[in-house]
Protein backbone atom coordinates (compact mmCIF):
# COMPACT_ATOMS: atom_id res chain seq x y z
CA MET A 1 70.18 112.86 87.12
CA GLY A 2 72.47 112.63 90.30
CA PHE A 3 76.11 113.40 90.87
CA PRO A 4 79.14 111.59 89.63
CA VAL A 5 80.47 108.88 92.07
CA ARG A 6 84.03 110.43 92.21
CA PHE A 7 82.40 113.86 93.66
CA CYS A 8 80.23 111.79 96.11
CA PHE A 9 83.52 110.26 97.22
CA GLN A 10 85.32 113.28 97.74
CA CYS A 11 82.51 115.24 99.55
CA ASN A 12 82.11 112.09 101.78
CA ARG A 13 86.12 112.38 102.63
CA ILE A 14 85.44 115.99 103.31
CA GLU A 15 82.73 115.41 105.59
CA ARG A 16 84.20 112.72 107.47
CA LEU A 17 87.47 114.97 108.07
CA LEU A 18 85.29 117.86 109.53
CA GLY A 19 83.39 115.32 111.70
CA TRP A 20 86.72 114.30 112.97
CA LEU A 21 88.01 117.80 113.51
CA LYS A 22 84.87 118.61 115.13
CA GLU A 23 85.54 115.68 117.64
CA LYS A 24 88.41 117.76 119.08
CA ARG A 25 87.26 119.84 121.72
CA ARG A 26 89.63 122.67 121.54
CA LEU A 27 89.07 123.15 117.54
CA ASN A 28 85.30 123.09 118.15
CA THR A 29 85.15 125.86 120.63
CA ARG A 30 87.65 127.89 118.78
CA TYR A 31 89.02 129.93 121.54
CA ASP A 32 91.64 131.46 119.25
CA LYS A 33 90.24 133.51 116.48
CA LEU A 34 93.61 133.81 114.70
CA ALA A 35 94.11 131.91 111.52
CA SER A 36 97.62 130.79 112.25
CA ARG A 37 96.60 129.33 115.51
CA ILE A 38 93.83 127.40 114.12
CA LYS A 39 95.98 126.12 111.48
CA ALA A 40 98.44 125.19 114.16
CA MET A 41 95.84 123.33 116.14
CA VAL A 42 94.52 121.40 113.23
CA THR A 43 98.23 120.34 112.40
CA GLN A 44 98.55 119.22 116.08
CA ALA A 45 95.41 117.28 115.66
CA CYS A 46 96.77 115.54 112.58
CA ILE A 47 100.03 114.80 113.98
CA GLU A 48 98.39 113.28 116.95
CA ARG A 49 96.14 111.05 114.57
CA CYS A 50 99.09 109.82 112.47
CA MET A 51 100.97 108.83 115.91
CA ARG A 52 98.05 107.02 117.05
CA ALA A 53 97.73 105.15 113.88
CA SER A 54 101.34 104.30 113.68
CA CYS A 55 101.50 103.07 117.45
CA SER A 56 98.29 100.67 116.96
CA ASP A 57 100.07 98.90 114.30
CA ARG A 58 102.69 97.97 116.59
CA THR A 59 100.37 96.41 119.20
């Protein structure tokens, strides 16, 4: 039967996001066990990615 295309697209997005986050060494090792610190590290990684994307448009 298979899955709807929209569902597969959303799963692919989530899998790519998790793969990208795992590339971040600090997030992958999880030194901090507190949810607030992990959330802060994910936020920092996302900000870093957005800044790199905006700077690459200029060059």
